[in-house]
Amino acid sequence: MQTVTIYTKDYCPYCQAALRLLDRKGVPYERIEVTSAAIQDEMAKKAGRRTVPQIFIGGRPVGGSDDLHALDAAGKLDALLKG
């Protein structure tokens, strides 16, 4: 299983939706709360975006919640998680 990292903010409904999808699939993940400008800058350098959530699978940026759900709907998420 590929490692999954997700940058979130606790009040973000899109973050919660992405986390629910990962939880429903039983995917372990590292959650990084964006609580400072420094963490947001780190995320933006890695993802090329400043919005949350930003999700990385196997170190590769896959986008946000809508992107994660689109991968799942297309049947591509499980294969990506497996590597």
N, C-alpha and C. Protein backbone atom coordinates (compact mmCIF):
# COMPACT_ATOMS: atom_id res chain seq x y z
N MET A 1 0.85 -1.19 0.00
CA MET A 1 0.00 0.00 0.00
C MET A 1 0.89 1.24 0.00
N GLN A 2 0.56 2.16 -0.87
CA GLN A 2 1.28 3.43 -0.95
C GLN A 2 0.98 4.27 0.30
N THR A 3 1.92 5.11 0.67
CA THR A 3 1.67 6.02 1.78
C THR A 3 0.76 7.15 1.29
N VAL A 4 -0.12 7.59 2.18
CA VAL A 4 -1.04 8.67 1.86
C VAL A 4 -0.83 9.78 2.88
N THR A 5 -0.64 10.98 2.38
CA THR A 5 -0.51 12.16 3.23
C THR A 5 -1.58 13.15 2.79
N ILE A 6 -2.26 13.73 3.76
CA ILE A 6 -3.31 14.69 3.44
C ILE A 6 -3.15 15.93 4.33
N TYR A 7 -3.05 17.07 3.69
CA TYR A 7 -2.99 18.35 4.39
C TYR A 7 -4.41 18.85 4.55
N THR A 8 -4.79 19.20 5.78
CA THR A 8 -6.17 19.59 6.07
C THR A 8 -6.23 20.80 7.00
N LYS A 9 -7.44 21.34 7.09
CA LYS A 9 -7.80 22.30 8.13
C LYS A 9 -9.05 21.73 8.78
N ASP A 10 -9.13 21.84 10.10
CA ASP A 10 -10.20 21.15 10.83
C ASP A 10 -11.60 21.62 10.49
N TYR A 11 -11.77 22.83 10.00
CA TYR A 11 -13.09 23.36 9.69
C TYR A 11 -13.50 23.19 8.23
N CYS A 12 -12.68 22.52 7.45
CA CYS A 12 -12.88 22.42 6.00
C CYS A 12 -13.78 21.23 5.65
N PRO A 13 -14.96 21.47 5.06
CA PRO A 13 -15.85 20.36 4.71
C PRO A 13 -15.27 19.46 3.61
N TYR A 14 -14.47 20.02 2.72
CA TYR A 14 -13.85 19.21 1.67
C TYR A 14 -12.79 18.27 2.27
N CYS A 15 -12.10 18.76 3.27
CA CYS A 15 -11.13 17.92 3.98
C CYS A 15 -11.85 16.76 4.65
N GLN A 16 -12.96 17.05 5.30
CA GLN A 16 -13.73 16.01 5.98
C GLN A 16 -14.25 14.97 4.99
N ALA A 17 -14.69 15.41 3.82
CA ALA A 17 -15.19 14.48 2.80
C ALA A 17 -14.07 13.56 2.31
N ALA A 18 -12.89 14.12 2.10
CA ALA A 18 -11.75 13.31 1.66
C ALA A 18 -11.35 12.31 2.75
N LEU A 19 -11.32 12.75 3.98
CA LEU A 19 -10.97 11.86 5.09
C LEU A 19 -12.00 10.73 5.23
N ARG A 20 -13.29 11.06 5.06
CA ARG A 20 -14.33 10.03 5.15
C ARG A 20 -14.15 8.97 4.06
N LEU A 21 -13.80 9.40 2.86
CA LEU A 21 -13.57 8.44 1.78
C LEU A 21 -12.40 7.53 2.11
N LEU A 22 -11.30 8.11 2.58
CA LEU A 22 -10.14 7.29 2.94
C LEU A 22 -10.48 6.34 4.09
N ASP A 23 -11.21 6.84 5.08
CA ASP A 23 -11.61 5.99 6.22
C ASP A 23 -12.52 4.85 5.76
N ARG A 24 -13.47 5.17 4.88
CA ARG A 24 -14.40 4.15 4.38
C ARG A 24 -13.66 3.04 3.63
N LYS A 25 -12.58 3.41 2.96
CA LYS A 25 -11.79 2.43 2.22
C LYS A 25 -10.76 1.74 3.11
N GLY A 26 -10.64 2.18 4.37
CA GLY A 26 -9.67 1.58 5.28
C GLY A 26 -8.24 1.94 4.97
N VAL A 27 -8.05 3.11 4.38
CA VAL A 27 -6.71 3.56 3.99
C VAL A 27 -6.06 4.31 5.15
N PRO A 28 -4.90 3.84 5.60
CA PRO A 28 -4.18 4.61 6.62
C PRO A 28 -3.55 5.85 5.97
N TYR A 29 -3.50 6.94 6.72
CA TYR A 29 -2.93 8.17 6.17
C TYR A 29 -2.27 8.98 7.27
N GLU A 30 -1.38 9.84 6.83
CA GLU A 30 -0.78 10.83 7.73
C GLU A 30 -1.53 12.13 7.47
N ARG A 31 -2.11 12.67 8.51
CA ARG A 31 -2.86 13.92 8.40
C ARG A 31 -1.99 15.04 8.94
N ILE A 32 -1.81 16.07 8.12
CA ILE A 32 -1.04 17.24 8.54
C ILE A 32 -1.99 18.43 8.57
N GLU A 33 -2.20 18.96 9.76
CA GLU A 33 -3.06 20.12 9.93
C GLU A 33 -2.29 21.38 9.50
N VAL A 34 -2.90 22.15 8.64
CA VAL A 34 -2.31 23.40 8.18
C VAL A 34 -2.69 24.47 9.21
N THR A 35 -1.78 24.67 10.14
CA THR A 35 -2.06 25.59 11.25
C THR A 35 -1.17 26.83 11.21
N SER A 36 -0.31 26.92 10.21
CA SER A 36 0.58 28.09 10.12
C SER A 36 0.91 28.36 8.66
N ALA A 37 1.39 29.57 8.42
CA ALA A 37 1.80 29.95 7.07
C ALA A 37 2.96 29.08 6.59
N ALA A 38 3.83 28.68 7.51
CA ALA A 38 4.98 27.85 7.13
C ALA A 38 4.52 26.49 6.61
N ILE A 39 3.54 25.89 7.28
CA ILE A 39 3.03 24.59 6.83
C ILE A 39 2.30 24.75 5.49
N GLN A 40 1.55 25.84 5.35
CA GLN A 40 0.85 26.07 4.09
C GLN A 40 1.85 26.29 2.95
N ASP A 41 2.93 27.01 3.22
CA ASP A 41 3.97 27.22 2.21
C ASP A 41 4.62 25.90 1.82
N GLU A 42 4.89 25.04 2.80
CA GLU A 42 5.46 23.71 2.53
C GLU A 42 4.53 22.90 1.63
N MET A 43 3.24 22.92 1.96
CA MET A 43 2.25 22.21 1.17
C MET A 43 2.18 22.75 -0.25
N ALA A 44 2.17 24.07 -0.38
CA ALA A 44 2.07 24.71 -1.69
C ALA A 44 3.27 24.38 -2.57
N LYS A 45 4.45 24.30 -1.98
CA LYS A 45 5.64 23.95 -2.75
C LYS A 45 5.54 22.53 -3.28
N LYS A 46 4.98 21.64 -2.48
CA LYS A 46 4.86 20.24 -2.89
C LYS A 46 3.72 20.04 -3.89
N ALA A 47 2.59 20.72 -3.66
CA ALA A 47 1.38 20.46 -4.44
C ALA A 47 1.19 21.42 -5.60
N GLY A 48 1.79 22.61 -5.50
CA GLY A 48 1.53 23.62 -6.51
C GLY A 48 0.20 24.33 -6.30
N ARG A 49 -0.43 24.08 -5.17
CA ARG A 49 -1.72 24.70 -4.80
C ARG A 49 -1.68 25.11 -3.34
N ARG A 50 -2.48 26.12 -3.01
CA ARG A 50 -2.52 26.61 -1.63
C ARG A 50 -3.80 26.21 -0.90
N THR A 51 -4.73 25.58 -1.59
CA THR A 51 -6.00 25.22 -0.98
C THR A 51 -5.91 23.84 -0.32
N VAL A 52 -6.79 23.62 0.66
CA VAL A 52 -6.87 22.31 1.31
C VAL A 52 -8.18 21.66 0.93
N PRO A 53 -8.22 20.36 0.95
CA PRO A 53 -7.12 19.45 1.25
C PRO A 53 -6.20 19.30 0.05
N GLN A 54 -4.98 18.92 0.32
CA GLN A 54 -4.05 18.48 -0.71
C GLN A 54 -3.64 17.07 -0.33
N ILE A 55 -3.79 16.17 -1.27
CA ILE A 55 -3.60 14.74 -1.00
C ILE A 55 -2.45 14.22 -1.84
N PHE A 56 -1.59 13.44 -1.18
CA PHE A 56 -0.44 12.83 -1.84
C PHE A 56 -0.53 11.32 -1.65
N ILE A 57 -0.36 10.60 -2.73
CA ILE A 57 -0.34 9.14 -2.67
C ILE A 57 1.01 8.69 -3.21
N GLY A 58 1.76 8.01 -2.37
CA GLY A 58 3.10 7.60 -2.75
C GLY A 58 3.99 8.79 -3.05
N GLY A 59 3.75 9.91 -2.37
CA GLY A 59 4.53 11.12 -2.56
C GLY A 59 4.11 11.96 -3.76
N ARG A 60 3.18 11.45 -4.55
CA ARG A 60 2.72 12.15 -5.75
C ARG A 60 1.45 12.94 -5.45
N PRO A 61 1.41 14.22 -5.81
CA PRO A 61 0.19 14.99 -5.56
C PRO A 61 -0.94 14.52 -6.47
N VAL A 62 -2.10 14.29 -5.87
CA VAL A 62 -3.27 13.89 -6.66
C VAL A 62 -4.36 14.96 -6.64
N GLY A 63 -4.17 16.02 -5.87
CA GLY A 63 -5.14 17.11 -5.85
C GLY A 63 -5.92 17.14 -4.55
N GLY A 64 -7.16 17.62 -4.68
CA GLY A 64 -8.00 17.80 -3.51
C GLY A 64 -9.09 16.75 -3.41
N SER A 65 -10.12 17.07 -2.66
CA SER A 65 -11.21 16.14 -2.40
C SER A 65 -11.94 15.74 -3.68
N ASP A 66 -12.27 16.71 -4.52
CA ASP A 66 -12.96 16.39 -5.77
C ASP A 66 -12.13 15.47 -6.64
N ASP A 67 -10.82 15.70 -6.68
CA ASP A 67 -9.92 14.86 -7.47
C ASP A 67 -9.88 13.44 -6.91
N LEU A 68 -9.82 13.33 -5.59
CA LEU A 68 -9.80 12.01 -4.94
C LEU A 68 -11.09 11.24 -5.23
N HIS A 69 -12.22 11.93 -5.12
CA HIS A 69 -13.51 11.28 -5.39
C HIS A 69 -13.64 10.91 -6.87
N ALA A 70 -13.11 11.74 -7.76
CA ALA A 70 -13.16 11.43 -9.19
C ALA A 70 -12.32 10.19 -9.50
N LEU A 71 -11.16 10.06 -8.86
CA LEU A 71 -10.34 8.86 -9.04
C LEU A 71 -11.10 7.62 -8.58
N ASP A 72 -11.78 7.75 -7.45
CA ASP A 72 -12.55 6.61 -6.92
C ASP A 72 -13.71 6.26 -7.86
N ALA A 73 -14.43 7.26 -8.33
CA ALA A 73 -15.57 7.03 -9.22
C ALA A 73 -15.13 6.39 -10.54
N ALA A 74 -13.92 6.72 -10.99
CA ALA A 74 -13.40 6.17 -12.24
C ALA A 74 -12.77 4.80 -12.05
N GLY A 75 -12.74 4.32 -10.80
CA GLY A 75 -12.15 3.01 -10.52
C GLY A 75 -10.63 3.00 -10.53
N LYS A 76 -10.02 4.18 -10.39
CA LYS A 76 -8.57 4.28 -10.46
C LYS A 76 -7.89 4.43 -9.10
N LEU A 77 -8.66 4.76 -8.07
CA LEU A 77 -8.06 5.03 -6.78
C LEU A 77 -7.43 3.79 -6.15
N ASP A 78 -8.12 2.67 -6.18
CA ASP A 78 -7.59 1.47 -5.56
C ASP A 78 -6.25 1.05 -6.17
N ALA A 79 -6.14 1.11 -7.48
CA ALA A 79 -4.90 0.76 -8.16
C ALA A 79 -3.78 1.73 -7.78
N LEU A 80 -4.12 3.01 -7.69
CA LEU A 80 -3.12 4.01 -7.30
C LEU A 80 -2.64 3.77 -5.89
N LEU A 81 -3.55 3.39 -5.00
CA LEU A 81 -3.18 3.11 -3.61
C LEU A 81 -2.31 1.87 -3.50
N LYS A 82 -2.55 0.90 -4.35
CA LYS A 82 -1.75 -0.33 -4.33
C LYS A 82 -0.35 -0.13 -4.90
N GLY A 83 -0.22 0.87 -5.78
CA GLY A 83 1.08 1.16 -6.37
C GLY A 83 1.31 0.42 -7.58
